Protein backbone atom coordinates (compact mmCIF):
# COMPACT_ATOMS: atom_id res chain seq x y z
CA UNK A 1 0.00 0.00 0.00
CA UNK A 2 1.40 3.41 -0.96
CA UNK A 3 1.87 6.15 1.59
CA UNK A 4 -0.97 8.17 0.06
CA UNK A 5 -3.31 5.16 0.07
CA UNK A 6 -2.41 4.53 3.70
CA UNK A 7 -3.29 8.11 4.63
CA UNK A 8 -6.62 7.76 2.80
CA UNK A 9 -7.45 4.62 4.76
CA UNK A 10 -6.65 6.30 8.06
CA UNK A 11 -8.77 9.32 7.12
CA UNK A 12 -11.69 7.00 6.33
CA UNK A 13 -11.27 5.19 9.66
CA UNK A 14 -11.06 8.48 11.56
CA UNK A 15 -14.20 9.79 9.84
CA UNK A 16 -16.17 6.63 10.63
CA UNK A 17 -15.03 6.78 14.26
CA UNK A 18 -16.10 10.43 14.38
CA UNK A 19 -19.47 9.43 12.90
CA UNK A 20 -19.98 6.79 15.60
CA UNK A 21 -19.07 9.35 18.26
CA UNK A 22 -21.46 11.96 16.82
CA UNK A 23 -24.40 9.53 16.62
CA UNK A 24 -23.66 8.26 20.13
CA UNK A 25 -23.61 11.82 21.47
CA UNK A 26 -26.87 12.53 19.64
CA UNK A 27 -28.54 9.60 21.42
CA UNK A 28 -27.32 10.92 24.78
CA UNK A 29 -28.59 14.47 24.27
CA UNK A 30 -31.92 13.11 23.00
CA UNK A 31 -32.29 11.28 26.32
CA UNK A 32 -31.28 14.42 28.23
CA UNK A 33 -33.82 16.53 26.33
CA UNK A 34 -36.53 13.96 27.06
CA UNK A 35 -36.57 15.08 30.70
CA UNK A 36 -38.89 17.83 29.46
CA UNK A 37 -39.82 17.16 25.83
CA UNK A 38 -41.61 14.35 24.02
CA UNK A 39 -39.39 12.46 21.54
CA UNK A 40 -41.55 13.68 18.64
CA UNK A 41 -40.80 17.30 19.53
CA UNK A 42 -37.11 16.48 19.96
CA UNK A 43 -37.14 14.99 16.45
CA UNK A 44 -38.53 18.25 15.07
CA UNK A 45 -35.85 20.36 16.72
CA UNK A 46 -33.15 17.90 15.65
CA UNK A 47 -34.30 18.41 12.05
CA UNK A 48 -34.71 22.18 12.37
CA UNK A 49 -31.25 22.76 13.78
CA UNK A 50 -29.85 20.02 11.54
CA UNK A 51 -31.11 22.00 8.54
CA UNK A 52 -29.37 25.14 9.81
CA UNK A 53 -26.12 23.23 10.13
CA UNK A 54 -26.61 21.73 6.63
CA UNK A 55 -27.26 25.05 4.86
CA UNK A 56 -23.52 25.61 4.20
CA UNK A 57 -23.88 22.80 1.64
CA UNK A 58 -26.11 25.13 -0.38
CA UNK A 59 -23.57 27.93 -0.12
CA UNK A 60 -20.84 25.56 -1.23
CA UNK A 61 -22.63 24.13 -4.28
CA UNK A 62 -25.02 26.94 -5.17
CA UNK A 63 -28.77 26.80 -5.95
CA UNK A 64 -28.12 24.23 -8.67
CA UNK A 65 -27.78 21.63 -5.92
CA UNK A 66 -31.57 21.66 -5.56
CA UNK A 67 -32.33 20.98 -9.22
CA UNK A 68 -33.80 17.50 -9.49
CA UNK A 69 -36.31 15.40 -11.39
CA UNK A 70 -36.60 12.97 -8.48
CA UNK A 71 -38.74 15.01 -6.08
CA UNK A 72 -41.42 12.25 -5.68
CA UNK A 73 -38.70 9.77 -4.69
CA UNK A 74 -37.23 12.31 -2.25
CA UNK A 75 -40.68 12.75 -0.71
CA UNK A 76 -41.23 8.98 -0.45
CA UNK A 77 -37.78 8.53 1.12
CA UNK A 78 -38.44 11.37 3.57
CA UNK A 79 -41.86 10.04 4.60
CA UNK A 80 -40.39 6.64 5.44
CA UNK A 81 -37.39 8.26 7.06
CA UNK A 82 -39.43 10.48 9.37
CA UNK A 83 -41.47 7.52 10.64
CA UNK A 84 -38.22 5.63 11.22
CA UNK A 85 -36.78 8.63 13.06
CA UNK A 86 -39.84 9.05 15.29
CA UNK A 87 -39.73 5.35 16.20
CA UNK A 88 -35.98 5.49 16.79
CA UNK A 89 -36.21 8.58 19.01
CA UNK A 90 -39.07 7.00 20.96
CA UNK A 91 -36.91 3.90 21.52
CA UNK A 92 -33.93 5.98 22.70
CA UNK A 93 -36.14 7.74 25.23
CA UNK A 94 -38.08 4.70 26.49
CA UNK A 95 -35.57 1.82 26.29
CA UNK A 96 -32.11 1.44 27.82
CA UNK A 97 -29.73 3.35 25.55
CA UNK A 98 -27.54 0.33 24.78
CA UNK A 99 -30.58 -1.76 23.86
CA UNK A 100 -32.11 0.91 21.59
CA UNK A 101 -28.84 1.58 19.76
CA UNK A 102 -27.95 -2.12 19.44
CA UNK A 103 -31.31 -2.85 17.83
CA UNK A 104 -30.83 0.05 15.41
CA UNK A 105 -27.84 -1.85 14.01
CA UNK A 106 -30.20 -4.54 12.74
CA UNK A 107 -30.82 -2.29 9.73
CA UNK A 108 -28.25 -4.03 7.44
CA UNK A 109 -30.04 -7.34 8.05
CA UNK A 110 -33.30 -5.84 6.77
CA UNK A 111 -31.38 -4.18 3.90
CA UNK A 112 -30.17 -7.59 2.70
CA UNK A 113 -33.76 -8.87 2.62
CA UNK A 114 -34.94 -5.70 0.88
CA UNK A 115 -32.14 -5.97 -1.69
CA UNK A 116 -33.57 -9.32 -2.75
CA UNK A 117 -37.20 -8.15 -2.84
CA UNK A 118 -36.71 -4.67 -4.33
CA UNK A 119 -33.33 -4.55 -6.07
CA UNK A 120 -33.42 -8.12 -7.36
CA UNK A 121 -30.06 -8.99 -5.85
CA UNK A 122 -29.09 -12.66 -5.65
CA UNK A 123 -28.04 -13.50 -2.09
CA UNK A 124 -26.20 -16.78 -1.55
CA UNK A 125 -26.33 -19.18 1.38
CA UNK A 126 -23.42 -17.62 3.30
CA UNK A 127 -25.04 -14.20 3.49
CA UNK A 128 -28.43 -15.70 4.39
CA UNK A 129 -26.62 -17.51 7.21
CA UNK A 130 -25.15 -14.19 8.37
CA UNK A 131 -28.64 -12.62 8.30
CA UNK A 132 -30.05 -15.53 10.34
CA UNK A 133 -27.25 -15.19 12.89
CA UNK A 134 -27.90 -11.43 13.04
CA UNK A 135 -31.55 -12.01 13.89
CA UNK A 136 -30.45 -14.52 16.52
CA UNK A 137 -28.50 -11.62 18.02
CA UNK A 138 -31.69 -9.55 17.94
CA UNK A 139 -33.45 -12.33 19.85
CA UNK A 140 -30.73 -12.28 22.49
CA UNK A 141 -31.38 -8.56 22.99
CA UNK A 142 -35.17 -8.85 22.89
CA UNK A 143 -35.29 -12.03 25.02
CA UNK A 144 -38.85 -13.24 24.26
CA UNK A 145 -40.03 -15.30 27.22
CA UNK A 146 -37.78 -13.30 29.53
CA UNK A 147 -37.88 -9.62 30.43
CA UNK A 148 -39.51 -8.68 27.14
CA UNK A 149 -40.55 -5.07 26.56
CA UNK A 150 -43.04 -4.32 23.77
CA UNK A 151 -41.01 -1.16 23.14
CA UNK A 152 -38.34 -3.22 21.39
CA UNK A 153 -40.81 -3.75 18.56
CA UNK A 154 -40.79 0.01 17.99
CA UNK A 155 -36.98 -0.07 17.81
CA UNK A 156 -37.11 -2.95 15.30
CA UNK A 157 -39.70 -1.08 13.22
CA UNK A 158 -37.29 1.86 13.13
CA UNK A 159 -34.52 -0.45 11.89
CA UNK A 160 -36.74 -2.01 9.22
CA UNK A 161 -37.90 1.39 7.95
CA UNK A 162 -34.31 2.60 7.99
CA UNK A 163 -33.50 -0.29 5.65
CA UNK A 164 -36.20 0.94 3.26
CA UNK A 165 -34.61 4.39 3.44
CA UNK A 166 -31.19 2.90 2.62
CA UNK A 167 -32.60 1.18 -0.47
CA UNK A 168 -34.29 4.40 -1.62
CA UNK A 169 -30.96 6.20 -1.21
CA UNK A 170 -29.43 3.52 -3.44
CA UNK A 171 -31.85 4.55 -6.19
CA UNK A 172 -31.27 8.28 -5.60
CA UNK A 173 -27.49 7.96 -5.54
CA UNK A 174 -27.50 6.75 -9.14
CA UNK A 175 -28.25 10.30 -10.33
CA UNK A 176 -28.17 12.60 -7.28
CA UNK A 177 -25.20 14.11 -5.43
CA UNK A 178 -24.72 12.93 -1.80
CA UNK A 179 -24.92 16.53 -0.51
CA UNK A 180 -28.18 17.04 -2.44
CA UNK A 181 -29.66 13.97 -0.76
CA UNK A 182 -28.64 15.27 2.69
CA UNK A 183 -30.01 18.77 2.06
CA UNK A 184 -33.28 17.74 0.36
CA UNK A 185 -34.00 15.16 3.05
CA UNK A 186 -33.44 17.64 5.86
CA UNK A 187 -35.57 20.26 4.11
CA UNK A 188 -38.48 17.83 3.86
CA UNK A 189 -38.02 16.43 7.36
CA UNK A 190 -38.59 19.80 9.04
CA UNK A 191 -42.28 20.23 8.04
CA UNK A 192 -42.95 16.48 8.21
CA UNK A 193 -41.69 16.28 11.81
CA UNK A 194 -43.49 19.48 12.83
CA UNK A 195 -46.94 17.89 12.39
CA UNK A 196 -46.55 15.17 15.08
CA UNK A 197 -44.57 17.57 17.30
CA UNK A 198 -47.52 19.98 17.49
CA UNK A 199 -49.66 17.30 19.17
CA UNK A 200 -47.23 17.06 22.11
CA UNK A 201 -45.76 20.56 22.06
CA UNK A 202 -44.16 22.13 25.13
CA UNK A 203 -41.95 25.19 25.00
CA UNK A 204 -38.35 24.18 25.75
CA UNK A 205 -36.90 25.73 28.88
CA UNK A 206 -33.38 26.40 30.12
CA UNK A 207 -30.66 23.91 29.30
CA UNK A 208 -33.06 21.86 27.16
CA UNK A 209 -32.31 24.35 24.37
CA UNK A 210 -28.67 23.29 24.48
CA UNK A 211 -29.56 19.59 24.18
CA UNK A 212 -31.84 20.05 21.14
CA UNK A 213 -29.33 22.30 19.37
CA UNK A 214 -26.63 19.69 19.99
CA UNK A 215 -28.97 16.95 18.67
CA UNK A 216 -29.15 18.81 15.35
CA UNK A 217 -25.41 19.44 15.29
CA UNK A 218 -24.40 15.87 16.17
CA UNK A 219 -26.93 14.35 13.75
CA UNK A 220 -25.78 16.46 10.80
CA UNK A 221 -22.07 16.00 11.53
CA UNK A 222 -22.59 12.27 12.00
CA UNK A 223 -24.22 11.89 8.58
CA UNK A 224 -21.55 14.00 6.89
CA UNK A 225 -18.67 12.04 8.45
CA UNK A 226 -20.37 8.74 7.61
CA UNK A 227 -20.92 9.65 3.93
CA UNK A 228 -17.38 10.92 3.50
CA UNK A 229 -15.86 7.88 5.19
CA UNK A 230 -17.66 5.53 2.81
CA UNK A 231 -16.40 7.56 -0.16
CA UNK A 232 -12.79 7.04 1.00
CA UNK A 233 -12.82 3.42 2.18
CA UNK A 234 -14.47 0.02 1.75
CA UNK A 235 -17.73 -0.63 3.58
CA UNK A 236 -16.32 -4.01 4.70
CA UNK A 237 -13.65 -2.19 6.70
CA UNK A 238 -15.71 0.77 7.90
CA UNK A 239 -19.17 -0.59 8.74
CA UNK A 240 -18.00 -2.55 11.84
CA UNK A 241 -16.39 0.64 13.18
CA UNK A 242 -19.85 2.18 13.52
CA UNK A 243 -20.46 -0.32 16.35
CA UNK A 244 -18.25 1.86 18.56
CA UNK A 245 -21.51 3.69 19.16
CA UNK A 246 -22.80 0.77 21.28
CA UNK A 247 -20.16 0.79 24.07
CA UNK A 248 -20.21 4.60 24.03
CA UNK A 249 -23.93 4.82 24.73
CA UNK A 250 -23.74 1.89 27.16
CA UNK A 251 -21.14 3.80 29.19
CA UNK A 252 -23.24 6.98 29.01
CA UNK A 253 -26.35 5.07 30.12
CA UNK A 254 -24.43 3.66 33.10
CA UNK A 255 -22.80 6.96 34.13
CA UNK A 256 -25.61 9.43 33.40
CA UNK A 257 -28.86 7.48 33.67
CA UNK A 258 -28.00 4.67 36.14
CA UNK A 259 -28.69 1.95 33.55
CA UNK A 260 -27.17 -1.44 34.29
CA UNK A 261 -24.74 -3.16 31.92
CA UNK A 262 -26.82 -6.04 30.51
CA UNK A 263 -24.87 -9.14 29.39
CA UNK A 264 -27.73 -10.25 27.10
CA UNK A 265 -27.60 -6.93 25.25
CA UNK A 266 -23.81 -7.17 25.01
CA UNK A 267 -23.99 -10.72 23.63
CA UNK A 268 -26.71 -9.83 21.11
CA UNK A 269 -24.84 -6.73 19.98
CA UNK A 270 -21.69 -8.83 19.46
CA UNK A 271 -23.59 -11.33 17.29
CA UNK A 272 -25.18 -8.53 15.21
CA UNK A 273 -21.73 -6.95 14.88
CA UNK A 274 -20.29 -10.18 13.47
CA UNK A 275 -23.18 -10.65 11.05
CA UNK A 276 -22.96 -7.06 9.80
CA UNK A 277 -19.18 -7.31 9.40
CA UNK A 278 -19.57 -10.39 7.20
CA UNK A 279 -22.40 -8.85 5.14
CA UNK A 280 -20.31 -5.70 4.58
CA UNK A 281 -17.33 -7.84 3.54
CA UNK A 282 -19.45 -9.75 1.02
CA UNK A 283 -20.86 -6.50 -0.39
CA UNK A 284 -17.31 -5.25 -0.96
CA UNK A 285 -16.34 -8.50 -2.72
CA UNK A 286 -19.38 -8.34 -5.01
CA UNK A 287 -18.76 -4.67 -5.78
CA UNK A 288 -15.17 -5.44 -6.81
CA UNK A 289 -16.32 -8.38 -8.96
CA UNK A 290 -18.91 -6.18 -10.67
CA UNK A 291 -16.09 -3.95 -11.91
CA UNK A 292 -14.20 -6.81 -13.58
CA UNK A 293 -16.89 -9.41 -14.37
CA UNK A 294 -19.29 -8.25 -17.13
CA UNK A 295 -21.78 -10.99 -16.23
CA UNK A 296 -22.60 -9.37 -12.90
CA UNK A 297 -21.79 -5.74 -13.68
CA UNK A 298 -25.48 -4.88 -13.99
CA UNK A 299 -26.39 -6.32 -10.60
CA UNK A 300 -26.61 -3.63 -7.94
CA UNK A 301 -24.88 -4.45 -4.67
CA UNK A 302 -26.88 -4.41 -1.46
CA UNK A 303 -27.46 -1.01 0.01
CA UNK A 304 -25.85 -0.22 3.32
CA UNK A 305 -26.64 2.24 6.08
C-alpha cells in the first residue's frame, strides 16, 4: 500500500469513528432533552437545527444543488425516514440506551432482505446464514419469554424502515449528489416532523435548548462524516467501526442514567456486529467483482446504512 493510500485509509477510519461518536452523542442528548420534551418534539428540533447546520452545503454548491427530477422519490424517502426517526427517538427515550442503539444496528439485516425483494439482488447461502445469525443476536437482545418489553418492537420497526430508506438512497445515488440527498432530506423532514410535534408541544426551557441544538449538530455532523468515510474506504472495513456507538452509549447510560450493563444486550450486539461485518465484507467482494466481471456488472450491490 502506498503512503498516500495509507493516509486515505486512516482518514476513512477516523471519519467513521467520528461518525460513531457523533451519533452516540446525539442519542445521549436526546435522552437528556426527554426530561422535558416528548421524543416527537425532539425529532422536530433535531431536524430544524440540523437544517441550519446543513445550509452551508447550499452555499458551497449553489442553488443548482436543488435541481432534481426525483422530487417524488425524495418525498417517499423522507416520509419513510421520518417515521423511522420518530420510532428510533421513541426507543432511545423509552428503552435502555444500549438496547435501543444495538437494535438500530439490525438495519443491514433488513437491507439484505430488501435488496432481494426490491433490487433483485441474488443472495447466496453464506449471506443468508449471516442474516439468520444477526436475527439470533436480535433475539438475544429482545429475550422473548424473559424480560420482554413491547417497546423493542418500535426499535425494530425503526430499523426495518431505515433499511427501506437505505434502499431508496441507493436509487437516488444513481443520479443525485450525496450533498443534495442530505439537504433535500433535511428540508423535507422539518415540516414532516413538525406535524406530530404539534400534538405534544411544550416550550423548551433552560438547558433543554442546548440539548436540542446539539442533537441537530451531532446528527448532521454524524451523517456528513459517515458519507465521506464511505467515499474514501471500503464498507467491509468501515461498517464494523460504527459499532463503537454501542459501548459509548452503554457507558453513558451507566454513568448518566443509572442503567445497568446487561450481558444479554452485550452478547446480542456482538452477534449482530459479526453478522454485519460479514455482510459488509461480502458486499465489498461483489462490488469489486462487478467492476471486472461483465456478467454481474449490472447487478446492484446491497445497500448499506
